[in-house]
Amino acid sequence: MNKPELNSENLEKSILENIVLASLREQRRARRWGVFFKALFFIYIFILLFAAMGWIDDGKVRIADKHTALIELRGIIAADSASSAEKIIASLQSAFKDKNTKGIVLRINSPGGSPVQAGYIYDEIKRLRAKFPEIPLYAVTGDVCASGGYYVAAAADKIFVDKASLVGSIGVLMDGFGFAGTLEKLGVERRLLTSGENKGFLDPFTPLDPVQKNHATAMLKEIHEQFIHMVKQGRGDRLKDMPDIFSGIVWTGQKSIDLGLADELGSAEYVAREIIRAEVLVDFTAREGFADLFAKKFSQVMMTMLYSSEWALK
């Protein structure tokens, strides 16, 4: 009499166990698929992120035995900029050392910047050209190739411009403001303590000292002469004998050719195709590392959030 009851209990228990096991298997399967789709999602996000930041560069896929190396010099030339000497020099070294590089195009769109940084780049171009004499380097100007930008371009074998490019500005400046008397009018006392008579050199809240002004002018003249010397060294007999060339004025691309500041009209693509005879352009511009970019982007996001929160509280 108890045997059928036992079988019934066993059957019920077995059915419940099977249901529980099936449920667990389904949960595991769901979790696995969830992990899989989440992984796909994050991979997709990272691909978009890398593409947006310029880390995925189709130009670096070698589709020819020989190519033209492209290096971008954009914006202000400064130690902490994308066009610092450190980054541009690293790009140049990488391009010259590549066994498939037939020629190099340095595309410049810069109003200038630090004469020290520009000088470092100029010297490295000359060093690498001497080390790799079979690889020519041509500068191609964008909208602006002025001051420190032109300083760098002068090291190239030839300079190609657009007829409307702004080229030149061979000069040096030091600017600032004078607020002498302003603090007194505002009722603010100026307290400047120095251990040397010229330690407060060109302080904007004191009247301009003639001795300091003369010293600053002499320094600017010395740096200007260095600039002129490097341009003459780079351009040689191509420069026309005109004092205005070194007056700090800018010229159109077409006029710069007439003055010997540039050589021909042409774009980066034209130079690669017609001059270097290696139509494929491969970008060798040094990019910021992941850690640097992440830190920069993260700080930008945090500042935006804080700024938004500040306004929201108001």
Protein backbone atom coordinates (compact mmCIF):
# COMPACT_ATOMS: atom_id res chain seq x y z
CA MET A 1 0.00 0.00 0.00
CA ASN A 2 2.90 2.40 0.73
CA LYS A 3 4.87 1.48 -2.39
CA PRO A 4 2.69 3.39 -4.86
CA GLU A 5 2.78 6.42 -2.51
CA LEU A 6 6.58 6.25 -2.44
CA ASN A 7 6.76 6.05 -6.20
CA SER A 8 4.43 9.01 -6.45
CA GLU A 9 6.56 11.00 -4.04
CA ASN A 10 9.72 10.06 -5.91
CA LEU A 11 8.16 11.05 -9.21
CA GLU A 12 7.04 14.38 -7.79
CA LYS A 13 10.46 14.97 -6.32
CA SER A 14 12.14 14.06 -9.60
CA ILE A 15 9.90 16.40 -11.54
CA LEU A 16 10.66 19.26 -9.12
CA GLU A 17 14.38 18.57 -9.35
CA ASN A 18 14.23 18.59 -13.15
CA ILE A 19 12.31 21.87 -13.11
CA VAL A 20 14.83 23.44 -10.73
CA LEU A 21 17.79 22.16 -12.76
CA ALA A 22 16.24 23.40 -16.01
CA SER A 23 15.65 26.77 -14.41
CA LEU A 24 19.26 26.94 -13.23
CA ARG A 25 20.53 25.94 -16.67
CA GLU A 26 18.37 28.63 -18.25
CA GLN A 27 19.67 31.24 -15.82
CA ARG A 28 23.27 30.24 -16.55
CA ARG A 29 22.59 30.41 -20.28
CA ALA A 30 20.95 33.82 -19.88
CA ARG A 31 23.93 35.06 -17.85
CA ARG A 32 26.38 33.79 -20.49
CA TRP A 33 24.45 35.52 -23.27
CA GLY A 34 24.24 38.63 -21.10
CA VAL A 35 28.00 38.67 -20.62
CA PHE A 36 28.50 38.04 -24.34
CA PHE A 37 26.28 40.94 -25.41
CA LYS A 38 27.77 43.25 -22.80
CA ALA A 39 31.25 42.40 -24.09
CA LEU A 40 30.12 43.14 -27.64
CA PHE A 41 28.64 46.43 -26.48
CA PHE A 42 31.86 47.52 -24.75
CA ILE A 43 33.96 46.47 -27.75
CA TYR A 44 31.69 48.56 -29.96
CA ILE A 45 32.01 51.55 -27.60
CA PHE A 46 35.81 51.23 -27.55
CA ILE A 47 35.94 51.06 -31.36
CA LEU A 48 33.87 54.25 -31.55
CA LEU A 49 36.10 55.87 -28.92
CA PHE A 50 39.31 54.90 -30.71
CA ALA A 51 37.93 56.13 -34.04
CA ALA A 52 36.80 59.43 -32.52
CA MET A 53 40.21 60.03 -30.97
CA GLY A 54 42.07 59.18 -34.14
CA TRP A 55 43.72 55.99 -32.87
CA ILE A 56 42.33 53.94 -35.75
CA ASP A 57 44.18 55.20 -38.77
CA ASP A 58 43.39 53.54 -42.08
CA GLY A 59 46.25 55.49 -43.62
CA LYS A 60 48.75 53.28 -41.82
CA VAL A 61 47.64 50.14 -43.60
CA ARG A 62 50.36 49.46 -46.11
CA ILE A 63 48.86 49.01 -49.54
CA ALA A 64 52.00 49.79 -51.54
CA ASP A 65 55.69 49.00 -51.32
CA LYS A 66 56.55 52.69 -51.19
CA HIS A 67 54.61 55.52 -49.63
CA THR A 68 54.82 59.22 -48.81
CA ALA A 69 54.99 59.85 -45.07
CA LEU A 70 52.70 62.63 -43.85
CA ILE A 71 53.33 64.59 -40.66
CA GLU A 72 50.90 67.23 -39.43
CA LEU A 73 52.13 70.33 -37.62
CA ARG A 74 48.99 72.18 -36.51
CA GLY A 75 48.41 75.09 -34.14
CA ILE A 76 50.77 76.76 -31.71
CA ILE A 77 54.28 75.34 -31.48
CA ALA A 78 54.85 74.97 -27.74
CA ALA A 79 56.29 72.45 -25.29
CA ASP A 80 52.83 71.39 -24.05
CA SER A 81 51.00 71.43 -27.39
CA ALA A 82 50.20 68.78 -30.00
CA SER A 83 52.92 70.39 -32.14
CA SER A 84 55.67 70.32 -29.54
CA ALA A 85 59.21 69.60 -30.66
CA GLU A 86 59.06 66.27 -28.81
CA LYS A 87 56.03 65.05 -30.78
CA ILE A 88 57.09 66.40 -34.18
CA ILE A 89 60.63 65.05 -33.80
CA ALA A 90 59.29 61.61 -32.81
CA SER A 91 57.10 61.68 -35.94
CA LEU A 92 60.03 62.68 -38.16
CA GLN A 93 62.28 59.96 -36.78
CA SER A 94 59.60 57.32 -37.28
CA ALA A 95 58.95 58.44 -40.87
CA PHE A 96 62.62 58.58 -41.88
CA LYS A 97 63.39 55.17 -40.37
CA ASP A 98 60.48 53.41 -42.11
CA LYS A 99 61.92 51.29 -44.94
CA ASN A 100 58.94 52.06 -47.20
CA THR A 101 59.17 55.85 -46.93
CA LYS A 102 60.09 57.37 -50.28
CA GLY A 103 59.56 60.98 -49.23
CA ILE A 104 58.06 63.06 -46.44
CA VAL A 105 55.45 65.81 -46.47
CA LEU A 106 55.40 68.08 -43.42
CA ARG A 107 52.00 69.78 -43.62
CA ILE A 108 52.10 73.01 -41.61
CA ASN A 109 49.14 75.07 -40.49
CA SER A 110 50.56 77.18 -37.68
CA PRO A 111 50.81 80.85 -36.70
CA GLY A 112 54.06 80.13 -34.88
CA GLY A 113 54.99 79.79 -31.25
CA SER A 114 58.17 79.11 -29.28
CA PRO A 115 61.39 79.89 -31.19
CA VAL A 116 63.14 77.29 -29.02
CA GLN A 117 60.70 74.52 -29.99
CA ALA A 118 60.80 75.57 -33.65
CA GLY A 119 64.60 75.57 -33.53
CA TYR A 120 64.67 72.03 -32.15
CA ILE A 121 62.49 70.82 -35.04
CA TYR A 122 64.55 72.73 -37.63
CA ASP A 123 67.81 71.21 -36.36
CA GLU A 124 66.35 67.69 -36.31
CA ILE A 125 65.10 67.99 -39.89
CA LYS A 126 68.59 68.99 -41.01
CA ARG A 127 70.16 66.13 -39.04
CA LEU A 128 67.78 63.52 -40.46
CA ARG A 129 68.17 64.80 -44.02
CA ALA A 130 71.94 64.40 -43.68
CA LYS A 131 71.48 60.89 -42.26
CA PHE A 132 68.92 59.84 -44.89
CA PRO A 133 69.95 61.81 -48.00
CA GLU A 134 67.80 59.66 -50.28
CA ILE A 135 64.56 60.70 -48.53
CA PRO A 136 63.44 64.25 -49.41
CA LEU A 137 61.29 66.33 -47.08
CA TYR A 138 58.85 68.92 -48.39
CA ALA A 139 56.83 71.45 -46.41
CA VAL A 140 53.26 72.10 -47.51
CA THR A 141 51.47 75.09 -46.00
CA GLY A 142 47.82 75.28 -45.02
CA ASP A 143 45.99 78.50 -44.19
CA VAL A 144 48.91 79.91 -42.20
CA CYS A 145 52.62 79.20 -42.12
CA ALA A 146 53.97 82.11 -40.14
CA SER A 147 56.67 82.97 -37.63
CA GLY A 148 57.76 79.73 -35.90
CA GLY A 149 55.76 77.73 -38.46
CA TYR A 150 57.83 79.25 -41.25
CA TYR A 151 61.00 78.77 -39.18
CA VAL A 152 60.35 75.01 -39.35
CA ALA A 153 59.35 75.10 -43.04
CA ALA A 154 62.63 76.78 -43.97
CA ALA A 155 64.44 73.52 -43.16
CA ALA A 156 62.56 71.63 -45.90
CA ASP A 157 63.98 70.88 -49.34
CA LYS A 158 61.10 72.80 -50.90
CA ILE A 159 58.06 74.72 -49.65
CA PHE A 160 54.71 74.28 -51.40
CA VAL A 161 51.90 76.74 -50.75
CA ASP A 162 48.36 77.53 -51.75
CA LYS A 163 48.01 80.84 -53.54
CA ALA A 164 45.95 82.20 -50.62
CA SER A 165 48.12 80.84 -47.78
CA LEU A 166 49.57 83.40 -45.37
CA VAL A 167 53.34 82.97 -45.27
CA GLY A 168 56.19 84.72 -43.50
CA SER A 169 56.00 86.91 -40.39
CA ILE A 170 59.75 86.54 -39.88
CA GLY A 171 60.03 88.45 -36.63
CA VAL A 172 59.92 88.15 -32.86
CA LEU A 173 57.62 89.80 -30.34
CA MET A 174 57.16 90.16 -26.61
CA ASP A 175 53.80 91.52 -25.53
CA GLY A 176 52.03 92.39 -22.32
CA PHE A 177 50.04 95.13 -20.58
CA GLY A 178 50.92 98.12 -18.44
CA PHE A 179 48.77 98.79 -15.37
CA ALA A 180 50.93 101.44 -13.72
CA GLY A 181 48.68 103.73 -11.65
CA THR A 182 45.63 101.44 -11.93
CA LEU A 183 46.03 99.89 -8.47
CA GLU A 184 46.47 103.32 -6.89
CA LYS A 185 43.19 104.46 -8.41
CA LEU A 186 41.52 101.35 -7.02
CA GLY A 187 43.01 101.90 -3.58
CA VAL A 188 45.13 98.73 -3.76
CA GLU A 189 48.69 98.74 -2.45
CA ARG A 190 51.30 96.96 -4.59
CA ARG A 191 53.89 94.98 -2.61
CA LEU A 192 56.77 93.64 -4.71
CA LEU A 193 59.92 92.48 -2.93
CA THR A 194 62.96 91.44 -4.95
CA SER A 195 66.55 90.44 -4.23
CA GLY A 196 67.89 91.96 -7.43
CA GLU A 197 67.31 95.34 -9.03
CA ASN A 198 65.94 93.73 -12.21
CA LYS A 199 64.14 90.75 -10.66
CA GLY A 200 60.80 92.46 -11.30
CA PHE A 201 61.68 92.64 -15.00
CA LEU A 202 58.89 94.35 -16.98
CA ASP A 203 56.46 94.12 -14.08
CA PRO A 204 53.10 95.28 -15.50
CA PHE A 205 52.16 97.26 -12.36
CA THR A 206 55.23 99.52 -12.33
CA PRO A 207 56.25 102.15 -14.90
CA LEU A 208 58.34 100.82 -17.79
CA ASP A 209 62.02 101.05 -16.89
CA PRO A 210 64.10 102.36 -19.86
CA VAL A 211 67.01 100.07 -18.96
CA GLN A 212 64.78 97.00 -18.88
CA LYS A 213 63.06 98.07 -22.12
CA ASN A 214 66.44 98.38 -23.87
CA HIS A 215 67.50 94.96 -22.58
CA ALA A 216 64.27 93.34 -23.81
CA THR A 217 64.63 95.04 -27.20
CA ALA A 218 68.22 93.79 -27.49
CA MET A 219 67.11 90.21 -26.69
CA LEU A 220 64.36 90.38 -29.32
CA LYS A 221 66.84 91.70 -31.88
CA GLU A 222 69.25 88.85 -31.12
CA ILE A 223 66.54 86.20 -31.52
CA HIS A 224 65.35 87.91 -34.71
CA GLU A 225 68.86 87.73 -36.16
CA GLN A 226 68.99 84.02 -35.27
CA PHE A 227 65.67 83.54 -37.07
CA ILE A 228 66.91 85.41 -40.15
CA HIS A 229 70.11 83.36 -40.19
CA MET A 230 68.21 80.06 -40.12
CA VAL A 231 65.86 81.19 -42.91
CA LYS A 232 68.79 82.27 -45.08
CA GLN A 233 70.55 78.99 -44.34
CA GLY A 234 67.47 77.00 -45.33
CA ARG A 235 66.40 79.01 -48.38
CA GLY A 236 69.82 80.06 -49.68
CA ASP A 237 69.93 81.85 -53.04
CA ARG A 238 66.21 81.41 -53.57
CA LEU A 239 65.49 84.40 -51.32
CA LYS A 240 65.11 87.76 -53.05
CA ASP A 241 67.25 90.59 -51.70
CA MET A 242 64.45 92.56 -50.03
CA PRO A 243 64.70 93.90 -46.45
CA ASP A 244 60.90 93.74 -46.09
CA ILE A 245 61.08 89.94 -46.12
CA PHE A 246 62.40 90.02 -42.55
CA SER A 247 60.21 92.87 -41.30
CA GLY A 248 57.62 90.58 -39.69
CA ILE A 249 55.01 91.08 -42.39
CA VAL A 250 53.05 88.18 -43.92
CA TRP A 251 52.57 87.52 -47.61
CA THR A 252 50.12 85.54 -49.70
CA GLY A 253 51.29 82.17 -50.96
CA GLN A 254 51.58 83.48 -54.51
CA LYS A 255 53.65 86.49 -53.41
CA SER A 256 55.83 84.30 -51.19
CA ILE A 257 56.88 82.36 -54.31
CA ASP A 258 57.88 85.62 -56.01
CA LEU A 259 59.98 86.56 -52.97
CA GLY A 260 61.68 83.17 -52.75
CA LEU A 261 60.03 82.32 -49.42
CA ALA A 262 58.30 79.39 -51.12
CA ASP A 263 58.88 77.37 -54.28
CA GLU A 264 55.64 76.20 -55.91
CA LEU A 265 51.90 75.92 -55.58
CA GLY A 266 50.77 72.48 -54.43
CA SER A 267 48.94 70.39 -51.85
CA ALA A 268 50.17 67.36 -49.90
CA GLU A 269 48.43 65.05 -52.38
CA TYR A 270 50.05 66.85 -55.32
CA VAL A 271 53.52 66.59 -53.80
CA ALA A 272 53.06 62.88 -53.03
CA ARG A 273 51.75 62.11 -56.52
CA GLU A 274 53.81 64.40 -58.77
CA ILE A 275 57.00 65.20 -56.87
CA ILE A 276 57.74 62.19 -54.65
CA ARG A 277 55.99 59.76 -57.05
CA ALA A 278 54.50 57.74 -54.19
CA GLU A 279 50.81 58.57 -54.17
CA VAL A 280 49.90 56.65 -51.01
CA LEU A 281 50.01 58.97 -47.98
CA VAL A 282 50.72 57.33 -44.62
CA ASP A 283 50.18 59.47 -41.52
CA PHE A 284 53.16 59.33 -39.14
CA THR A 285 51.96 62.13 -36.87
CA ALA A 286 52.62 61.14 -33.26
CA ARG A 287 49.43 60.74 -31.27
CA GLU A 288 48.94 61.16 -27.55
CA GLY A 289 49.08 57.96 -25.51
CA PHE A 290 45.99 56.31 -24.10
CA ALA A 291 46.76 57.36 -20.52
CA ASP A 292 47.29 61.01 -21.48
CA LEU A 293 44.17 61.15 -23.62
CA PHE A 294 42.07 59.36 -21.01
CA ALA A 295 43.26 61.71 -18.27
CA LYS A 296 42.57 64.73 -20.46
CA LYS A 297 39.11 63.54 -21.51
CA PHE A 298 38.27 62.51 -17.94
CA SER A 299 39.28 65.91 -16.57
CA GLN A 300 37.21 67.63 -19.28
CA VAL A 301 34.17 65.53 -18.39
CA MET A 302 34.63 66.19 -14.67
CA MET A 303 35.03 69.94 -15.22
CA THR A 304 31.90 69.96 -17.38
CA MET A 305 29.97 68.09 -14.69
CA LEU A 306 31.19 70.43 -11.95
CA TYR A 307 30.42 73.48 -14.07
CA SER A 308 26.93 72.16 -14.86
CA SER A 309 26.33 71.36 -11.20
CA GLU A 310 27.44 74.83 -10.19
CA TRP A 311 24.99 76.42 -12.57
CA ALA A 312 22.28 73.99 -11.51
CA LEU A 313 22.76 75.05 -7.87
CA LYS A 314 22.30 78.63 -8.85
